[in-house]
Each structure stands twice: as structure tokens, then as C-alpha cells.
Amino acid sequence: MRKAAIYCRVSTEEQRERETIKTQLDSTRRRCQAETLPLHDCYLDYGLSGTVPFEQRPAAARLLHDARQGFFNVLVI
């Protein structure tokens, strides 16, 4: 059975204040619903540059851990 996780990130405080991550989250949740994908969890990193390695971002590190544990097998970004 497929189970999804969502990852969203914004890199600046301005994007955070404009709720850009909320827009990403709404869009990815709709995608999961459209594909009838049960959702395991949402992983959200706020105000982190894309130059920060993925595994060093707090939510991304948790996402990698959960993926290794097999909690989900589809990632929606």
C-alpha cells in the first residue's frame, strides 16, 4: 500500500510571513487527496536556504529518518 509524506520549505522570513509554505502545503495535500494517498506526515522547514544540505534541515532530517523506517513510500513536494 502506498503512503505519502509531504515536504515543504521556504527560504526567507518574507516568504514565511506571506504564508508561502501554507500554499505549498495546501497544494500537496490536494495532490494526495486526488491520488487517494493516505498521508503519513508533513515535514516543514521554515526560513532555510536551499544551500543548507537536506540532511541538515530539521524537518528534512526527520523525513529521512522516517523514510528509512519505512513509514511512507511516496514523497510529495
PDB file of N, CA and C in Angstrom:
ATOM      1  N   MET A   1       0.839  -1.194   0.000  1.00  0.00           N
ATOM      2  CA  MET A   1       0.000   0.000   0.000  1.00  0.00           C
ATOM      3  C   MET A   1       0.879   1.250   0.000  1.00  0.00           C
ATOM      4  N   ARG A   2       0.496   2.203  -0.811  1.00  0.00           N
ATOM      5  CA  ARG A   2       1.241   3.455  -0.868  1.00  0.00           C
ATOM      6  C   ARG A   2       0.821   4.363   0.280  1.00  0.00           C
ATOM      7  N   LYS A   3       1.805   5.044   0.863  1.00  0.00           N
ATOM      8  CA  LYS A   3       1.551   6.017   1.913  1.00  0.00           C
ATOM      9  C   LYS A   3       2.476   7.194   1.664  1.00  0.00           C
ATOM     10  N   ALA A   4       1.935   8.409   1.761  1.00  0.00           N
ATOM     11  CA  ALA A   4       2.677   9.598   1.365  1.00  0.00           C
ATOM     12  C   ALA A   4       3.188  10.411   2.548  1.00  0.00           C
ATOM     13  N   ALA A   5       4.220  11.166   2.243  1.00  0.00           N
ATOM     14  CA  ALA A   5       4.727  12.211   3.122  1.00  0.00           C
ATOM     15  C   ALA A   5       4.842  13.469   2.272  1.00  0.00           C
ATOM     16  N   ILE A   6       4.723  14.600   2.924  1.00  0.00           N
ATOM     17  CA  ILE A   6       4.815  15.888   2.243  1.00  0.00           C
ATOM     18  C   ILE A   6       6.017  16.640   2.798  1.00  0.00           C
ATOM     19  N   TYR A   7       6.789  17.262   1.894  1.00  0.00           N
ATOM     20  CA  TYR A   7       7.887  18.133   2.324  1.00  0.00           C
ATOM     21  C   TYR A   7       7.701  19.501   1.693  1.00  0.00           C
ATOM     22  N   CYS A   8       7.747  20.541   2.536  1.00  0.00           N
ATOM     23  CA  CYS A   8       7.649  21.926   2.071  1.00  0.00           C
ATOM     24  C   CYS A   8       8.740  22.752   2.756  1.00  0.00           C
ATOM     25  N   ARG A   9       9.237  23.755   2.046  1.00  0.00           N
ATOM     26  CA  ARG A   9      10.276  24.625   2.592  1.00  0.00           C
ATOM     27  C   ARG A   9      10.143  26.030   2.035  1.00  0.00           C
ATOM     28  N   VAL A  10      10.418  27.012   2.877  1.00  0.00           N
ATOM     29  CA  VAL A  10      10.599  28.386   2.422  1.00  0.00           C
ATOM     30  C   VAL A  10      11.961  28.843   2.900  1.00  0.00           C
ATOM     31  N   SER A  11      12.585  29.730   2.130  1.00  0.00           N
ATOM     32  CA  SER A  11      13.951  30.108   2.445  1.00  0.00           C
ATOM     33  C   SER A  11      14.082  31.462   3.134  1.00  0.00           C
ATOM     34  N   THR A  12      13.040  32.278   3.119  1.00  0.00           N
ATOM     35  CA  THR A  12      13.172  33.598   3.723  1.00  0.00           C
ATOM     36  C   THR A  12      12.028  33.872   4.694  1.00  0.00           C
ATOM     37  N   GLU A  13      12.275  34.788   5.597  1.00  0.00           N
ATOM     38  CA  GLU A  13      11.231  35.191   6.533  1.00  0.00           C
ATOM     39  C   GLU A  13      10.072  35.861   5.788  1.00  0.00           C
ATOM     40  N   GLU A  14      10.391  36.588   4.711  1.00  0.00           N
ATOM     41  CA  GLU A  14       9.328  37.224   3.918  1.00  0.00           C
ATOM     42  C   GLU A  14       8.377  36.173   3.359  1.00  0.00           C
ATOM     43  N   GLN A  15       8.929  35.084   2.828  1.00  0.00           N
ATOM     44  CA  GLN A  15       8.082  34.003   2.314  1.00  0.00           C
ATOM     45  C   GLN A  15       7.265  33.390   3.443  1.00  0.00           C
ATOM     46  N   ARG A  16       7.879  33.278   4.605  1.00  0.00           N
ATOM     47  CA  ARG A  16       7.175  32.721   5.760  1.00  0.00           C
ATOM     48  C   ARG A  16       5.998  33.614   6.137  1.00  0.00           C
ATOM     49  N   GLU A  17       6.231  34.914   6.177  1.00  0.00           N
ATOM     50  CA  GLU A  17       5.173  35.860   6.540  1.00  0.00           C
ATOM     51  C   GLU A  17       4.051  35.875   5.518  1.00  0.00           C
ATOM     52  N   ARG A  18       4.372  35.672   4.246  1.00  0.00           N
ATOM     53  CA  ARG A  18       3.341  35.651   3.197  1.00  0.00           C
ATOM     54  C   ARG A  18       2.629  34.311   3.118  1.00  0.00           C
ATOM     55  N   GLU A  19       2.978  33.415   4.036  1.00  0.00           N
ATOM     56  CA  GLU A  19       2.352  32.091   4.112  1.00  0.00           C
ATOM     57  C   GLU A  19       2.572  31.258   2.854  1.00  0.00           C
ATOM     58  N   THR A  20       3.738  31.426   2.243  1.00  0.00           N
ATOM     59  CA  THR A  20       4.069  30.641   1.055  1.00  0.00           C
ATOM     60  C   THR A  20       4.059  29.154   1.363  1.00  0.00           C
ATOM     61  N   ILE A  21       4.502  28.792   2.556  1.00  0.00           N
ATOM     62  CA  ILE A  21       4.522  27.369   2.914  1.00  0.00           C
ATOM     63  C   ILE A  21       3.099  26.817   3.026  1.00  0.00           C
ATOM     64  N   LYS A  22       2.171  27.650   3.462  1.00  0.00           N
ATOM     65  CA  LYS A  22       0.772  27.229   3.538  1.00  0.00           C
ATOM     66  C   LYS A  22       0.253  26.911   2.135  1.00  0.00           C
ATOM     67  N   THR A  23       0.623  27.724   1.168  1.00  0.00           N
ATOM     68  CA  THR A  23       0.227  27.490  -0.217  1.00  0.00           C
ATOM     69  C   THR A  23       0.785  26.159  -0.713  1.00  0.00           C
ATOM     70  N   GLN A  24       2.054  25.903  -0.417  1.00  0.00           N
ATOM     71  CA  GLN A  24       2.666  24.630  -0.807  1.00  0.00           C
ATOM     72  C   GLN A  24       1.941  23.454  -0.147  1.00  0.00           C
ATOM     73  N   LEU A  25       1.656  23.622   1.131  1.00  0.00           N
ATOM     74  CA  LEU A  25       1.004  22.557   1.886  1.00  0.00           C
ATOM     75  C   LEU A  25      -0.397  22.270   1.348  1.00  0.00           C
ATOM     76  N   ASP A  26      -1.142  23.313   1.076  1.00  0.00           N
ATOM     77  CA  ASP A  26      -2.491  23.126   0.513  1.00  0.00           C
ATOM     78  C   ASP A  26      -2.430  22.372  -0.812  1.00  0.00           C
ATOM     79  N   SER A  27      -1.484  22.759  -1.661  1.00  0.00           N
ATOM     80  CA  SER A  27      -1.348  22.139  -2.973  1.00  0.00           C
ATOM     81  C   SER A  27      -0.954  20.664  -2.863  1.00  0.00           C
ATOM     82  N   THR A  28      -0.005  20.360  -2.009  1.00  0.00           N
ATOM     83  CA  THR A  28       0.444  18.976  -1.879  1.00  0.00           C
ATOM     84  C   THR A  28      -0.617  18.101  -1.215  1.00  0.00           C
ATOM     85  N   ARG A  29      -1.347  18.661  -0.281  1.00  0.00           N
ATOM     86  CA  ARG A  29      -2.441  17.887   0.331  1.00  0.00           C
ATOM     87  C   ARG A  29      -3.519  17.561  -0.700  1.00  0.00           C
ATOM     88  N   ARG A  30      -3.841  18.535  -1.558  1.00  0.00           N
ATOM     89  CA  ARG A  30      -4.822  18.281  -2.620  1.00  0.00           C
ATOM     90  C   ARG A  30      -4.332  17.177  -3.554  1.00  0.00           C
ATOM     91  N   ARG A  31      -3.043  17.185  -3.832  1.00  0.00           N
ATOM     92  CA  ARG A  31      -2.467  16.144  -4.696  1.00  0.00           C
ATOM     93  C   ARG A  31      -2.647  14.767  -4.062  1.00  0.00           C
ATOM     94  N   CYS A  32      -2.375  14.667  -2.773  1.00  0.00           N
ATOM     95  CA  CYS A  32      -2.558  13.388  -2.067  1.00  0.00           C
ATOM     96  C   CYS A  32      -4.015  12.949  -2.123  1.00  0.00           C
ATOM     97  N   GLN A  33      -4.926  13.884  -1.905  1.00  0.00           N
ATOM     98  CA  GLN A  33      -6.349  13.548  -1.956  1.00  0.00           C
ATOM     99  C   GLN A  33      -6.755  13.097  -3.353  1.00  0.00           C
ATOM    100  N   ALA A  34      -6.276  13.787  -4.374  1.00  0.00           N
ATOM    101  CA  ALA A  34      -6.633  13.455  -5.752  1.00  0.00           C
ATOM    102  C   ALA A  34      -6.143  12.059  -6.130  1.00  0.00           C
ATOM    103  N   GLU A  35      -5.012  11.660  -5.573  1.00  0.00           N
ATOM    104  CA  GLU A  35      -4.448  10.346  -5.887  1.00  0.00           C
ATOM    105  C   GLU A  35      -4.806   9.296  -4.841  1.00  0.00           C
ATOM    106  N   THR A  36      -5.691   9.673  -3.928  1.00  0.00           N
ATOM    107  CA  THR A  36      -6.137   8.785  -2.848  1.00  0.00           C
ATOM    108  C   THR A  36      -4.947   8.181  -2.097  1.00  0.00           C
ATOM    109  N   LEU A  37      -4.016   9.054  -1.739  1.00  0.00           N
ATOM    110  CA  LEU A  37      -2.832   8.632  -0.997  1.00  0.00           C
ATOM    111  C   LEU A  37      -3.020   8.937   0.484  1.00  0.00           C
ATOM    112  N   PRO A  38      -3.010   7.941   1.334  1.00  0.00           N
ATOM    113  CA  PRO A  38      -3.046   8.223   2.768  1.00  0.00           C
ATOM    114  C   PRO A  38      -1.792   9.024   3.138  1.00  0.00           C
ATOM    115  N   LEU A  39      -1.938   9.945   4.055  1.00  0.00           N
ATOM    116  CA  LEU A  39      -0.835  10.833   4.426  1.00  0.00           C
ATOM    117  C   LEU A  39      -0.245  10.415   5.766  1.00  0.00           C
ATOM    118  N   HIS A  40       1.052  10.140   5.758  1.00  0.00           N
ATOM    119  CA  HIS A  40       1.756   9.802   6.999  1.00  0.00           C
ATOM    120  C   HIS A  40       2.022  11.060   7.820  1.00  0.00           C
ATOM    121  N   ASP A  41       2.680  12.063   7.200  1.00  0.00           N
ATOM    122  CA  ASP A  41       3.064  13.271   7.936  1.00  0.00           C
ATOM    123  C   ASP A  41       3.478  14.352   6.955  1.00  0.00           C
ATOM    124  N   CYS A  42       3.535  15.582   7.482  1.00  0.00           N
ATOM    125  CA  CYS A  42       4.023  16.729   6.719  1.00  0.00           C
ATOM    126  C   CYS A  42       5.301  17.225   7.399  1.00  0.00           C
ATOM    127  N   TYR A  43       6.307  17.491   6.597  1.00  0.00           N
ATOM    128  CA  TYR A  43       7.608  17.933   7.082  1.00  0.00           C
ATOM    129  C   TYR A  43       7.837  19.338   6.536  1.00  0.00           C
ATOM    130  N   LEU A  44       7.960  20.308   7.432  1.00  0.00           N
ATOM    131  CA  LEU A  44       8.002  21.712   7.028  1.00  0.00           C
ATOM    132  C   LEU A  44       9.259  22.385   7.576  1.00  0.00           C
ATOM    133  N   ASP A  45      10.063  22.938   6.686  1.00  0.00           N
ATOM    134  CA  ASP A  45      11.242  23.704   7.088  1.00  0.00           C
ATOM    135  C   ASP A  45      11.016  25.166   6.728  1.00  0.00           C
ATOM    136  N   TYR A  46      11.091  26.015   7.745  1.00  0.00           N
ATOM    137  CA  TYR A  46      10.849  27.451   7.583  1.00  0.00           C
ATOM    138  C   TYR A  46      12.159  28.232   7.589  1.00  0.00           C
ATOM    139  N   GLY A  47      12.295  29.149   6.648  1.00  0.00           N
ATOM    140  CA  GLY A  47      13.415  30.082   6.648  1.00  0.00           C
ATOM    141  C   GLY A  47      14.777  29.442   6.468  1.00  0.00           C
ATOM    142  N   LEU A  48      14.857  28.380   5.667  1.00  0.00           N
ATOM    143  CA  LEU A  48      16.128  27.710   5.426  1.00  0.00           C
ATOM    144  C   LEU A  48      16.505  27.804   3.959  1.00  0.00           C
ATOM    145  N   SER A  49      17.719  28.259   3.725  1.00  0.00           N
ATOM    146  CA  SER A  49      18.226  28.385   2.367  1.00  0.00           C
ATOM    147  C   SER A  49      18.358  27.018   1.715  1.00  0.00           C
ATOM    148  N   GLY A  50      18.183  27.000   0.415  1.00  0.00           N
ATOM    149  CA  GLY A  50      18.391  25.777  -0.344  1.00  0.00           C
ATOM    150  C   GLY A  50      19.843  25.333  -0.342  1.00  0.00           C
ATOM    151  N   THR A  51      20.751  26.212   0.102  1.00  0.00           N
ATOM    152  CA  THR A  51      22.163  25.834   0.178  1.00  0.00           C
ATOM    153  C   THR A  51      22.466  24.969   1.402  1.00  0.00           C
ATOM    154  N   VAL A  52      21.548  24.944   2.370  1.00  0.00           N
ATOM    155  CA  VAL A  52      21.722  24.080   3.543  1.00  0.00           C
ATOM    156  C   VAL A  52      21.472  22.642   3.091  1.00  0.00           C
ATOM    157  N   PRO A  53      22.437  21.743   3.312  1.00  0.00           N
ATOM    158  CA  PRO A  53      22.230  20.355   2.894  1.00  0.00           C
ATOM    159  C   PRO A  53      20.944  19.776   3.483  1.00  0.00           C
ATOM    160  N   PHE A  54      20.274  18.986   2.673  1.00  0.00           N
ATOM    161  CA  PHE A  54      18.965  18.446   3.046  1.00  0.00           C
ATOM    162  C   PHE A  54      18.996  17.783   4.416  1.00  0.00           C
ATOM    163  N   GLU A  55      19.984  16.952   4.661  1.00  0.00           N
ATOM    164  CA  GLU A  55      20.040  16.205   5.914  1.00  0.00           C
ATOM    165  C   GLU A  55      20.329  17.084   7.129  1.00  0.00           C
ATOM    166  N   GLN A  56      20.695  18.353   6.895  1.00  0.00           N
ATOM    167  CA  GLN A  56      20.956  19.281   7.999  1.00  0.00           C
ATOM    168  C   GLN A  56      19.755  20.183   8.309  1.00  0.00           C
ATOM    169  N   ARG A  57      18.697  20.040   7.574  1.00  0.00           N
ATOM    170  CA  ARG A  57      17.473  20.791   7.844  1.00  0.00           C
ATOM    171  C   ARG A  57      16.640  19.982   8.847  1.00  0.00           C
ATOM    172  N   PRO A  58      16.100  20.610   9.889  1.00  0.00           N
ATOM    173  CA  PRO A  58      15.404  19.855  10.932  1.00  0.00           C
ATOM    174  C   PRO A  58      14.296  18.927  10.423  1.00  0.00           C
ATOM    175  N   ALA A  59      13.359  19.454   9.655  1.00  0.00           N
ATOM    176  CA  ALA A  59      12.255  18.621   9.172  1.00  0.00           C
ATOM    177  C   ALA A  59      12.743  17.598   8.154  1.00  0.00           C
ATOM    178  N   ALA A  60      13.694  17.995   7.329  1.00  0.00           N
ATOM    179  CA  ALA A  60      14.224  17.070   6.327  1.00  0.00           C
ATOM    180  C   ALA A  60      14.959  15.908   6.988  1.00  0.00           C
ATOM    181  N   ALA A  61      15.690  16.182   8.054  1.00  0.00           N
ATOM    182  CA  ALA A  61      16.382  15.113   8.775  1.00  0.00           C
ATOM    183  C   ALA A  61      15.369  14.123   9.355  1.00  0.00           C
ATOM    184  N   ARG A  62      14.278  14.643   9.894  1.00  0.00           N
ATOM    185  CA  ARG A  62      13.218  13.776  10.424  1.00  0.00           C
ATOM    186  C   ARG A  62      12.573  12.973   9.294  1.00  0.00           C
ATOM    187  N   LEU A  63      12.364  13.621   8.143  1.00  0.00           N
ATOM    188  CA  LEU A  63      11.813  12.952   6.970  1.00  0.00           C
ATOM    189  C   LEU A  63      12.710  11.786   6.555  1.00  0.00           C
ATOM    190  N   LEU A  64      14.020  12.015   6.474  1.00  0.00           N
ATOM    191  CA  LEU A  64      14.945  10.954   6.090  1.00  0.00           C
ATOM    192  C   LEU A  64      14.894   9.791   7.081  1.00  0.00           C
ATOM    193  N   HIS A  65      14.837  10.101   8.354  1.00  0.00           N
ATOM    194  CA  HIS A  65      14.737   9.061   9.377  1.00  0.00           C
ATOM    195  C   HIS A  65      13.469   8.232   9.168  1.00  0.00           C
ATOM    196  N   ASP A  66      12.344   8.914   8.994  1.00  0.00           N
ATOM    197  CA  ASP A  66      11.066   8.216   8.824  1.00  0.00           C
ATOM    198  C   ASP A  66      11.035   7.396   7.535  1.00  0.00           C
ATOM    199  N   ALA A  67      11.668   7.909   6.482  1.00  0.00           N
ATOM    200  CA  ALA A  67      11.738   7.158   5.219  1.00  0.00           C
ATOM    201  C   ALA A  67      12.529   5.869   5.425  1.00  0.00           C
ATOM    202  N   ARG A  68      13.632   5.969   6.136  1.00  0.00           N
ATOM    203  CA  ARG A  68      14.446   4.774   6.407  1.00  0.00           C
ATOM    204  C   ARG A  68      13.680   3.750   7.254  1.00  0.00           C
ATOM    205  N   GLN A  69      12.773   4.238   8.075  1.00  0.00           N
ATOM    206  CA  GLN A  69      11.955   3.355   8.908  1.00  0.00           C
ATOM    207  C   GLN A  69      10.793   2.746   8.127  1.00  0.00           C
ATOM    208  N   GLY A  70      10.572   3.235   6.903  1.00  0.00           N
ATOM    209  CA  GLY A  70       9.513   2.705   6.058  1.00  0.00           C
ATOM    210  C   GLY A  70       8.122   3.246   6.380  1.00  0.00           C
ATOM    211  N   PHE A  71       8.058   4.411   7.028  1.00  0.00           N
ATOM    212  CA  PHE A  71       6.766   4.977   7.402  1.00  0.00           C
ATOM    213  C   PHE A  71       5.974   5.472   6.196  1.00  0.00           C
ATOM    214  N   PHE A  72       6.649   5.736   5.077  1.00  0.00           N
ATOM    215  CA  PHE A  72       5.976   6.167   3.857  1.00  0.00           C
ATOM    216  C   PHE A  72       6.816   5.702   2.675  1.00  0.00           C
ATOM    217  N   ASN A  73       6.201   5.676   1.490  1.00  0.00           N
ATOM    218  CA  ASN A  73       6.931   5.260   0.294  1.00  0.00           C
ATOM    219  C   ASN A  73       6.689   6.174  -0.903  1.00  0.00           C
ATOM    220  N   VAL A  74       6.015   7.300  -0.663  1.00  0.00           N
ATOM    221  CA  VAL A  74       5.808   8.315  -1.695  1.00  0.00           C
ATOM    222  C   VAL A  74       6.080   9.665  -1.050  1.00  0.00           C
ATOM    223  N   LEU A  75       6.859  10.504  -1.730  1.00  0.00           N
ATOM    224  CA  LEU A  75       7.145  11.842  -1.229  1.00  0.00           C
ATOM    225  C   LEU A  75       6.564  12.866  -2.196  1.00  0.00           C
ATOM    226  N   VAL A  76       5.749  13.762  -1.658  1.00  0.00           N
ATOM    227  CA  VAL A  76       5.126  14.822  -2.460  1.00  0.00           C
ATOM    228  C   VAL A  76       5.773  16.124  -2.040  1.00  0.00           C
ATOM    229  N   ILE A  77       6.305  16.864  -3.024  1.00  0.00           N
ATOM    230  CA  ILE A  77       6.978  18.130  -2.722  1.00  0.00           C
ATOM    231  C   ILE A  77       6.393  19.257  -3.533  1.00  0.00           C
TER     232      ILE A  77
END
